[in-house]
C-alpha atoms as a PDB file:
ATOM      1  CA  MET A   1      29.752  41.107 -37.893  1.00  0.00           C
ATOM      2  CA  SER A   2      30.056  42.669 -34.468  1.00  0.00           C
ATOM      3  CA  ARG A   3      26.543  41.455 -33.671  1.00  0.00           C
ATOM      4  CA  THR A   4      27.528  37.849 -34.422  1.00  0.00           C
ATOM      5  CA  THR A   5      30.714  38.222 -32.403  1.00  0.00           C
ATOM      6  CA  SER A   6      28.896  39.717 -29.433  1.00  0.00           C
ATOM      7  CA  LEU A   7      26.265  36.940 -29.598  1.00  0.00           C
ATOM      8  CA  GLY A   8      29.062  34.405 -29.707  1.00  0.00           C
ATOM      9  CA  ILE A   9      30.634  36.040 -26.659  1.00  0.00           C
ATOM     10  CA  LEU A  10      27.296  36.035 -24.818  1.00  0.00           C
ATOM     11  CA  ARG A  11      26.879  32.345 -25.482  1.00  0.00           C
ATOM     12  CA  VAL A  12      30.308  31.581 -24.077  1.00  0.00           C
ATOM     13  CA  ARG A  13      29.632  33.736 -21.015  1.00  0.00           C
ATOM     14  CA  ASP A  14      26.176  32.157 -20.484  1.00  0.00           C
ATOM     15  CA  ARG A  15      27.386  28.551 -20.659  1.00  0.00           C
ATOM     16  CA  PRO A  16      28.539  28.324 -17.026  1.00  0.00           C
ATOM     17  CA  ARG A  17      25.347  30.056 -15.891  1.00  0.00           C
ATOM     18  CA  THR A  18      23.210  27.706 -18.022  1.00  0.00           C
ATOM     19  CA  ALA A  19      25.105  24.667 -16.786  1.00  0.00           C
ATOM     20  CA  LEU A  20      24.657  25.781 -13.181  1.00  0.00           C
ATOM     21  CA  LEU A  21      20.953  26.442 -13.716  1.00  0.00           C
ATOM     22  CA  THR A  22      20.511  23.025 -15.353  1.00  0.00           C
ATOM     23  CA  LEU A  23      22.329  21.363 -12.444  1.00  0.00           C
ATOM     24  CA  LEU A  24      20.100  23.130  -9.924  1.00  0.00           C
ATOM     25  CA  VAL A  25      16.945  22.055 -11.770  1.00  0.00           C
ATOM     26  CA  VAL A  26      18.147  18.444 -11.854  1.00  0.00           C
ATOM     27  CA  LEU A  27      19.008  18.531  -8.132  1.00  0.00           C
ATOM     28  CA  CYS A  28      15.612  20.007  -7.272  1.00  0.00           C
ATOM     29  CA  CYS A  29      13.964  17.160  -9.158  1.00  0.00           C
ATOM     30  CA  LEU A  30      16.076  14.546  -7.372  1.00  0.00           C
ATOM     31  CA  VAL A  31      15.683  15.827  -3.819  1.00  0.00           C
ATOM     32  CA  PRO A  32      11.974  14.979  -3.451  1.00  0.00           C
ATOM     33  CA  SER A  33      12.487  11.549  -4.997  1.00  0.00           C
ATOM     34  CA  LEU A  34      15.441  10.821  -2.709  1.00  0.00           C
ATOM     35  CA  GLY A  35      13.385  11.765   0.325  1.00  0.00           C
ATOM     36  CA  ALA A  36      10.574   9.473  -0.741  1.00  0.00           C
ATOM     37  CA  ALA A  37      12.834   6.644  -1.888  1.00  0.00           C
ATOM     38  CA  HIS A  38      12.753   4.693   1.357  1.00  0.00           C
ATOM     39  CA  GLU A  39       9.123   5.594   2.060  1.00  0.00           C
ATOM     40  CA  GLN A  40       7.909   2.791  -0.158  1.00  0.00           C
ATOM     41  CA  LYS A  41       6.193   1.072   2.779  1.00  0.00           C
ATOM     42  CA  THR A  42       6.774  -2.320   1.210  1.00  0.00           C
ATOM     43  CA  ALA A  43       8.021  -5.570   2.732  1.00  0.00           C
ATOM     44  CA  VAL A  44       8.757  -8.819   0.927  1.00  0.00           C
ATOM     45  CA  THR A  45       8.309 -12.332   2.292  1.00  0.00           C
ATOM     46  CA  ARG A  46       9.543 -15.493   0.613  1.00  0.00           C
ATOM     47  CA  ILE A  47       7.982 -18.881   1.415  1.00  0.00           C
ATOM     48  CA  LEU A  48      10.149 -21.701   0.117  1.00  0.00           C
ATOM     49  CA  PHE A  49       9.262 -25.404   0.006  1.00  0.00           C
ATOM     50  CA  ASN A  50      12.754 -26.816   0.583  1.00  0.00           C
ATOM     51  CA  ASP A  51      12.701 -30.469  -0.473  1.00  0.00           C
ATOM     52  CA  SER A  52      16.293 -31.064   0.654  1.00  0.00           C
ATOM     53  CA  THR A  53      15.509 -30.167   4.289  1.00  0.00           C
ATOM     54  CA  GLY A  54      11.849 -31.155   4.270  1.00  0.00           C
ATOM     55  CA  ASN A  55      10.959 -27.725   5.668  1.00  0.00           C
ATOM     56  CA  ILE A  56       8.907 -24.770   4.594  1.00  0.00           C
ATOM     57  CA  GLU A  57      11.205 -21.790   5.062  1.00  0.00           C
ATOM     58  CA  VAL A  58       9.905 -18.253   5.545  1.00  0.00           C
ATOM     59  CA  MET A  59      12.104 -15.197   5.030  1.00  0.00           C
ATOM     60  CA  HIS A  60      10.693 -11.738   5.793  1.00  0.00           C
ATOM     61  CA  ARG A  61      12.586  -8.667   4.521  1.00  0.00           C
ATOM     62  CA  PHE A  62      11.919  -5.201   5.948  1.00  0.00           C
ATOM     63  CA  PHE A  63      13.655  -1.872   5.446  1.00  0.00           C
ATOM     64  CA  ILE A  64      15.533  -1.226   8.708  1.00  0.00           C
ATOM     65  CA  HIS A  65      14.344   2.375   8.854  1.00  0.00           C
ATOM     66  CA  ASP A  66      10.701   1.292   8.567  1.00  0.00           C
ATOM     67  CA  ALA A  67      11.193  -1.520  11.096  1.00  0.00           C
ATOM     68  CA  GLU A  68      12.830   0.828  13.628  1.00  0.00           C
ATOM     69  CA  HIS A  69      10.080   3.412  13.193  1.00  0.00           C
ATOM     70  CA  ALA A  70       7.390   0.735  13.574  1.00  0.00           C
ATOM     71  CA  ALA A  71       9.099  -0.797  16.611  1.00  0.00           C
ATOM     72  CA  GLY A  72       9.185   2.624  18.261  1.00  0.00           C
ATOM     73  CA  VAL A  73       5.455   3.036  17.657  1.00  0.00           C
ATOM     74  CA  VAL A  74       4.537  -0.491  18.794  1.00  0.00           C
ATOM     75  CA  PHE A  75       6.781  -0.664  21.855  1.00  0.00           C
ATOM     76  CA  GLY A  76       6.488   2.972  22.925  1.00  0.00           C
ATOM     77  CA  LYS A  77      10.183   3.820  22.765  1.00  0.00           C
ATOM     78  CA  ALA A  78      12.871   4.083  20.102  1.00  0.00           C
ATOM     79  CA  GLN A  79      14.526   0.826  19.056  1.00  0.00           C
ATOM     80  CA  ASN A  80      18.000   0.549  17.508  1.00  0.00           C
ATOM     81  CA  LEU A  81      17.779  -2.567  15.363  1.00  0.00           C
ATOM     82  CA  MET A  82      21.253  -2.062  13.917  1.00  0.00           C
ATOM     83  CA  GLU A  83      22.984  -2.292  17.279  1.00  0.00           C
ATOM     84  CA  SER A  84      20.639  -4.199  19.587  1.00  0.00           C
ATOM     85  CA  ALA A  85      20.014  -7.951  19.298  1.00  0.00           C
ATOM     86  CA  ASP A  86      17.241  -7.545  21.890  1.00  0.00           C
ATOM     87  CA  SER A  87      15.489  -4.954  19.716  1.00  0.00           C
ATOM     88  CA  ARG A  88      15.765  -7.230  16.680  1.00  0.00           C
ATOM     89  CA  LYS A  89      14.306 -10.152  18.653  1.00  0.00           C
ATOM     90  CA  LEU A  90      11.483  -7.913  19.891  1.00  0.00           C
ATOM     91  CA  PHE A  91      10.682  -6.825  16.328  1.00  0.00           C
ATOM     92  CA  SER A  92      10.902 -10.449  15.146  1.00  0.00           C
ATOM     93  CA  ASN A  93       8.292 -11.436  17.733  1.00  0.00           C
ATOM     94  CA  TYR A  94       6.068  -8.620  16.495  1.00  0.00           C
ATOM     95  CA  VAL A  95       6.358  -9.971  12.915  1.00  0.00           C
ATOM     96  CA  MET A  96       5.710 -13.579  13.957  1.00  0.00           C
ATOM     97  CA  ASN A  97       2.548 -12.540  15.791  1.00  0.00           C
ATOM     98  CA  ARG A  98       1.222 -10.930  12.592  1.00  0.00           C
ATOM     99  CA  PHE A  99       2.042 -13.693  10.115  1.00  0.00           C
ATOM    100  CA  ALA A 100       0.505 -17.161   9.728  1.00  0.00           C
ATOM    101  CA  ILE A 101       0.197 -19.911   7.133  1.00  0.00           C
ATOM    102  CA  ALA A 102      -2.435 -22.619   6.835  1.00  0.00           C
ATOM    103  CA  ALA A 103      -1.827 -25.477   4.384  1.00  0.00           C
ATOM    104  CA  GLU A 104      -4.661 -27.181   2.513  1.00  0.00           C
ATOM    105  CA  GLY A 105      -4.232 -30.821   1.596  1.00  0.00           C
ATOM    106  CA  SER A 106      -5.522 -32.825  -1.351  1.00  0.00           C
ATOM    107  CA  ARG A 107      -8.600 -33.970   0.634  1.00  0.00           C
ATOM    108  CA  GLY A 108      -9.541 -30.440   1.662  1.00  0.00           C
ATOM    109  CA  GLU A 109      -8.141 -30.610   5.203  1.00  0.00           C
ATOM    110  CA  THR A 110      -6.548 -27.429   6.523  1.00  0.00           C
ATOM    111  CA  THR A 111      -3.626 -27.377   8.944  1.00  0.00           C
ATOM    112  CA  GLU A 112      -2.093 -24.257  10.441  1.00  0.00           C
ATOM    113  CA  LEU A 113       1.678 -24.489  10.219  1.00  0.00           C
ATOM    114  CA  ASN A 114       3.610 -24.292  13.465  1.00  0.00           C
ATOM    115  CA  LEU A 115       6.176 -21.705  12.368  1.00  0.00           C
ATOM    116  CA  GLN A 116       9.298 -21.652  14.511  1.00  0.00           C
ATOM    117  CA  TYR A 117      11.642 -18.706  14.911  1.00  0.00           C
ATOM    118  CA  VAL A 118      15.033 -19.398  13.305  1.00  0.00           C
ATOM    119  CA  GLY A 119      16.685 -16.004  13.706  1.00  0.00           C
ATOM    120  CA  GLU A 120      17.214 -12.604  12.175  1.00  0.00           C
ATOM    121  CA  GLU A 121      20.011 -10.690  10.501  1.00  0.00           C
ATOM    122  CA  ILE A 122      20.831  -7.330   9.030  1.00  0.00           C
ATOM    123  CA  GLU A 123      21.963  -7.177   5.442  1.00  0.00           C
ATOM    124  CA  GLY A 124      22.634  -3.702   4.098  1.00  0.00           C
ATOM    125  CA  GLN A 125      19.496  -1.619   4.549  1.00  0.00           C
ATOM    126  CA  PHE A 126      17.316  -4.635   5.318  1.00  0.00           C
ATOM    127  CA  LEU A 127      16.329  -6.596   8.399  1.00  0.00           C
ATOM    128  CA  TRP A 128      15.581 -10.263   7.683  1.00  0.00           C
ATOM    129  CA  VAL A 129      13.423 -12.392  10.003  1.00  0.00           C
ATOM    130  CA  TYR A 130      13.516 -16.178   9.481  1.00  0.00           C
ATOM    131  CA  GLN A 131      10.949 -18.853  10.348  1.00  0.00           C
ATOM    132  CA  GLU A 132      10.401 -22.475   9.349  1.00  0.00           C
ATOM    133  CA  ALA A 133       7.983 -25.376   9.744  1.00  0.00           C
ATOM    134  CA  ARG A 134       8.006 -29.045   8.837  1.00  0.00           C
ATOM    135  CA  GLN A 135       6.670 -29.542   5.331  1.00  0.00           C
ATOM    136  CA  LEU A 136       3.362 -31.343   5.033  1.00  0.00           C
ATOM    137  CA  GLN A 137       2.625 -33.888   2.313  1.00  0.00           C
ATOM    138  CA  ASP A 138       0.265 -33.089  -0.563  1.00  0.00           C
ATOM    139  CA  VAL A 139      -0.078 -29.339  -0.029  1.00  0.00           C
ATOM    140  CA  ASN A 140      -2.382 -28.005  -2.743  1.00  0.00           C
ATOM    141  CA  ALA A 141      -2.964 -24.485  -1.430  1.00  0.00           C
ATOM    142  CA  LEU A 142      -1.845 -22.043   1.216  1.00  0.00           C
ATOM    143  CA  SER A 143      -3.827 -19.432   3.102  1.00  0.00           C
ATOM    144  CA  VAL A 144      -1.540 -16.670   4.332  1.00  0.00           C
ATOM    145  CA  VAL A 145      -2.174 -13.909   6.867  1.00  0.00           C
ATOM    146  CA  HIS A 146       0.310 -11.034   6.768  1.00  0.00           C
ATOM    147  CA  VAL A 147      -0.507  -7.830   8.639  1.00  0.00           C
ATOM    148  CA  ALA A 148       2.991  -6.849   9.845  1.00  0.00           C
ATOM    149  CA  LEU A 149       3.381  -3.054   9.692  1.00  0.00           C
ATOM    150  CA  ARG A 150      -0.106  -2.774   8.186  1.00  0.00           C
ATOM    151  CA  ASP A 151      -1.528  -2.176  11.664  1.00  0.00           C
ATOM    152  CA  ILE A 152       0.748   0.894  11.823  1.00  0.00           C
ATOM    153  CA  TRP A 153       0.570   2.171   8.244  1.00  0.00           C
ATOM    154  CA  PRO A 154      -2.582   1.449   6.235  1.00  0.00           C
ATOM    155  CA  ASP A 155      -0.652   2.088   2.993  1.00  0.00           C
ATOM    156  CA  GLN A 156       1.916  -0.629   3.842  1.00  0.00           C
ATOM    157  CA  ALA A 157       2.067  -3.320   1.139  1.00  0.00           C
ATOM    158  CA  ASN A 158       3.420  -6.790   1.864  1.00  0.00           C
ATOM    159  CA  LEU A 159       4.400  -8.973  -1.064  1.00  0.00           C
ATOM    160  CA  VAL A 160       4.611 -12.730  -0.448  1.00  0.00           C
ATOM    161  CA  ASN A 161       6.319 -14.988  -2.983  1.00  0.00           C
ATOM    162  CA  VAL A 162       5.669 -18.720  -2.606  1.00  0.00           C
ATOM    163  CA  GLU A 163       8.195 -21.015  -4.298  1.00  0.00           C
ATOM    164  CA  LYS A 164       7.272 -24.652  -4.853  1.00  0.00           C
ATOM    165  CA  ASP A 165       8.380 -27.168  -7.495  1.00  0.00           C
ATOM    166  CA  GLY A 166      10.139 -24.516  -9.562  1.00  0.00           C
ATOM    167  CA  GLN A 167       7.064 -22.263  -9.670  1.00  0.00           C
ATOM    168  CA  ILE A 168       6.653 -18.857  -8.019  1.00  0.00           C
ATOM    169  CA  TYR A 169       3.238 -17.662  -6.850  1.00  0.00           C
ATOM    170  CA  SER A 170       2.762 -14.108  -5.576  1.00  0.00           C
ATOM    171  CA  LEU A 171       0.326 -12.639  -3.096  1.00  0.00           C
ATOM    172  CA  SER A 172       0.002  -8.887  -2.611  1.00  0.00           C
ATOM    173  CA  PHE A 173      -1.311  -7.675   0.731  1.00  0.00           C
ATOM    174  CA  ALA A 174      -2.514  -4.127   0.126  1.00  0.00           C
ATOM    175  CA  ASP A 175      -5.549  -2.042   0.967  1.00  0.00           C
ATOM    176  CA  SER A 176      -7.756  -4.143   3.289  1.00  0.00           C
ATOM    177  CA  ALA A 177      -6.350  -7.590   2.397  1.00  0.00           C
ATOM    178  CA  GLU A 178      -5.309  -9.441   5.555  1.00  0.00           C
ATOM    179  CA  SER A 179      -5.631 -13.049   4.397  1.00  0.00           C
ATOM    180  CA  LEU A 180      -5.028 -14.377   0.907  1.00  0.00           C
ATOM    181  CA  ARG A 181      -5.093 -17.866  -0.609  1.00  0.00           C
ATOM    182  CA  VAL A 182      -2.955 -19.352  -3.358  1.00  0.00           C
ATOM    183  CA  GLU A 183      -3.406 -22.665  -5.131  1.00  0.00           C
ATOM    184  CA  LEU A 184      -0.160 -24.487  -5.805  1.00  0.00           C
END
Protein backbone atom coordinates (compact mmCIF):
# COMPACT_ATOMS: atom_id res chain seq x y z
CA MET A 1 0.00 0.00 0.00
CA SER A 2 2.77 2.42 0.86
CA ARG A 3 4.41 1.62 -2.48
CA THR A 4 1.26 2.64 -4.36
CA THR A 5 0.93 5.78 -2.26
CA SER A 6 4.55 6.76 -2.80
CA LEU A 7 4.20 6.14 -6.56
CA GLY A 8 1.09 8.27 -6.55
CA ILE A 9 2.99 11.01 -4.74
CA LEU A 10 5.88 10.77 -7.22
CA ARG A 11 3.49 11.16 -10.11
CA VAL A 12 1.98 14.29 -8.60
CA ARG A 13 5.43 15.73 -7.90
CA ASP A 14 6.66 14.86 -11.43
CA ARG A 15 3.72 16.46 -13.25
CA PRO A 16 5.07 20.03 -13.17
CA ARG A 17 8.52 18.76 -14.18
CA THR A 18 7.02 16.68 -17.02
CA ALA A 19 4.87 19.58 -18.17
CA LEU A 20 7.88 21.90 -18.16
CA LEU A 21 9.99 19.36 -20.06
CA THR A 22 7.21 18.88 -22.63
CA LEU A 23 6.91 22.65 -23.06
CA LEU A 24 10.65 22.98 -23.60
CA VAL A 25 10.64 20.21 -26.22
CA VAL A 26 7.76 21.88 -28.06
CA LEU A 27 9.51 25.27 -27.96
CA CYS A 28 12.75 23.76 -29.25
CA CYS A 29 10.83 22.28 -32.17
CA LEU A 30 9.14 25.61 -32.94
CA VAL A 31 12.19 27.85 -32.77
CA PRO A 32 13.91 26.50 -35.90
CA SER A 33 10.66 26.59 -37.86
CA LEU A 34 9.94 30.16 -36.76
CA GLY A 35 13.40 31.24 -37.87
CA ALA A 36 12.92 29.65 -41.26
CA ALA A 37 9.31 30.77 -41.68
CA HIS A 38 10.06 33.93 -43.62
CA GLU A 39 12.99 32.35 -45.47
CA GLN A 40 10.67 30.81 -48.02
CA LYS A 41 12.27 32.81 -50.84
CA THR A 42 8.99 32.90 -52.72
CA ALA A 43 7.23 35.76 -54.50
CA VAL A 44 3.81 35.70 -56.14
CA THR A 45 2.73 37.65 -59.21
CA ARG A 46 -0.83 37.91 -60.47
CA ILE A 47 -1.56 38.80 -64.11
CA LEU A 48 -5.20 39.74 -64.55
CA PHE A 49 -7.03 40.34 -67.85
CA ASN A 50 -9.44 43.03 -66.65
CA ASP A 51 -12.24 43.29 -69.21
CA SER A 52 -13.89 46.22 -67.43
CA THR A 53 -10.81 48.45 -67.81
CA GLY A 54 -9.43 46.86 -70.96
CA ASN A 55 -6.06 46.46 -69.23
CA ILE A 56 -3.78 43.64 -68.27
CA GLU A 57 -2.95 44.27 -64.63
CA VAL A 58 0.17 42.90 -62.96
CA MET A 59 0.53 42.67 -59.18
CA HIS A 60 3.83 41.49 -57.69
CA ARG A 61 3.92 40.50 -54.00
CA PHE A 62 7.21 40.23 -52.10
CA PHE A 63 7.98 39.69 -48.43
CA ILE A 64 9.25 43.07 -47.18
CA HIS A 65 12.16 41.46 -45.34
CA ASP A 66 13.32 39.69 -48.51
CA ALA A 67 12.82 42.84 -50.61
CA GLU A 68 14.83 44.98 -48.16
CA HIS A 69 17.63 42.43 -48.03
CA ALA A 70 17.70 42.17 -51.84
CA ALA A 71 17.61 45.96 -52.26
CA GLY A 72 20.59 46.27 -49.93
CA VAL A 73 22.52 43.74 -52.01
CA VAL A 74 21.54 45.27 -55.37
CA PHE A 75 22.00 48.92 -54.45
CA GLY A 76 24.98 48.51 -52.13
CA LYS A 77 23.39 50.01 -49.03
CA ALA A 78 20.54 49.18 -46.67
CA GLN A 79 17.06 50.20 -47.82
CA ASN A 80 14.10 50.83 -45.49
CA LEU A 81 11.09 49.96 -47.62
CA MET A 82 8.67 50.43 -44.74
CA GLU A 83 9.54 54.09 -44.24
CA SER A 84 11.01 55.32 -47.52
CA ALA A 85 8.91 55.92 -50.65
CA ASP A 86 12.17 56.45 -52.56
CA SER A 87 13.43 53.01 -51.51
CA ARG A 88 10.13 51.42 -52.57
CA LYS A 89 10.31 53.15 -55.96
CA LEU A 90 13.92 52.00 -56.37
CA PHE A 91 12.94 48.40 -55.59
CA SER A 92 9.94 48.69 -57.94
CA ASN A 93 12.27 49.72 -60.77
CA TYR A 94 14.46 46.72 -60.00
CA VAL A 95 11.40 44.42 -60.29
CA MET A 96 10.18 46.04 -63.51
CA ASN A 97 13.59 45.56 -65.11
CA ARG A 98 13.42 41.82 -64.35
CA PHE A 99 9.87 41.11 -65.48
CA ALA A 100 8.38 41.08 -68.99
CA ILE A 101 5.37 39.70 -70.85
CA ALA A 102 4.99 38.94 -74.54
CA ALA A 103 1.51 38.17 -75.89
CA GLU A 104 0.93 35.75 -78.75
CA GLY A 105 -2.04 36.35 -81.01
CA SER A 106 -4.26 33.95 -82.91
CA ARG A 107 -2.13 34.31 -86.08
CA GLY A 108 1.12 33.56 -84.26
CA GLU A 109 2.31 37.17 -83.96
CA THR A 110 4.14 38.06 -80.76
CA THR A 111 3.99 41.49 -79.13
CA GLU A 112 5.91 42.51 -76.03
CA LEU A 113 3.59 44.34 -73.67
CA ASN A 114 4.55 47.87 -72.70
CA LEU A 115 4.08 47.51 -68.94
CA GLN A 116 3.67 50.81 -67.14
CA TYR A 117 4.41 51.43 -63.48
CA VAL A 118 1.21 52.10 -61.51
CA GLY A 119 2.60 52.22 -57.97
CA GLU A 120 3.47 50.22 -54.91
CA GLU A 121 2.14 49.72 -51.41
CA ILE A 122 2.87 47.93 -48.19
CA GLU A 123 0.26 45.59 -46.81
CA GLY A 124 1.21 43.79 -43.62
CA GLN A 125 4.44 41.89 -44.24
CA PHE A 126 4.25 42.32 -48.01
CA LEU A 127 5.39 44.89 -50.55
CA TRP A 128 3.16 45.06 -53.63
CA VAL A 129 4.40 46.47 -56.96
CA TYR A 130 1.76 47.26 -59.60
CA GLN A 131 2.04 47.47 -63.39
CA GLU A 132 -0.44 47.50 -66.27
CA ALA A 133 -0.65 47.47 -70.07
CA ARG A 134 -3.40 47.89 -72.61
CA GLN A 135 -5.02 44.55 -73.36
CA LEU A 136 -4.48 43.17 -76.84
CA GLN A 137 -7.20 41.40 -78.81
CA ASP A 138 -7.11 37.64 -79.38
CA VAL A 139 -4.35 36.73 -76.93
CA ASN A 140 -3.87 32.96 -77.09
CA ALA A 141 -0.66 32.63 -75.08
CA LEU A 142 1.75 34.57 -72.92
CA SER A 143 5.50 34.25 -72.59
CA VAL A 144 6.65 35.56 -69.22
CA VAL A 145 10.14 36.41 -67.98
CA HIS A 146 10.47 36.72 -64.20
CA VAL A 147 13.94 36.81 -62.66
CA ALA A 148 13.33 39.27 -59.79
CA LEU A 149 15.32 38.18 -56.72
CA ARG A 150 16.51 35.09 -58.62
CA ASP A 151 19.67 36.96 -59.62
CA ILE A 152 20.38 37.31 -55.88
CA TRP A 153 19.17 33.96 -54.55
CA PRO A 154 19.28 30.96 -56.88
CA ASP A 155 16.73 29.16 -54.67
CA GLN A 156 14.18 31.99 -55.08
CA ALA A 157 10.90 30.74 -56.57
CA ASN A 158 8.49 33.08 -58.32
CA LEU A 159 4.93 31.92 -58.86
CA VAL A 160 2.90 33.68 -61.56
CA ASN A 161 -0.87 33.22 -61.72
CA VAL A 162 -2.55 34.34 -64.95
CA GLU A 163 -6.30 34.99 -64.72
CA LYS A 164 -8.32 35.20 -67.92
CA ASP A 165 -11.98 34.43 -68.65
CA GLY A 166 -12.53 32.86 -65.24
CA GLN A 167 -9.56 30.50 -65.62
CA ILE A 168 -6.32 30.56 -63.62
CA TYR A 169 -3.06 29.37 -65.18
CA SER A 170 0.09 29.05 -63.07
CA LEU A 171 3.75 29.33 -63.96
CA SER A 172 6.47 28.39 -61.49
CA PHE A 173 9.87 30.02 -61.95
CA ALA A 174 12.31 27.82 -60.06
CA ASP A 175 15.71 26.29 -60.66
CA SER A 176 16.99 27.67 -64.00
CA ALA A 177 13.63 28.74 -65.47
CA GLU A 178 13.78 32.37 -66.59
CA SER A 179 11.10 32.39 -69.29
CA LEU A 180 7.94 30.32 -69.36
CA ARG A 181 4.98 30.15 -71.75
CA VAL A 182 1.32 29.51 -71.03
CA GLU A 183 -1.47 28.88 -73.51
CA LEU A 184 -4.73 30.57 -72.60
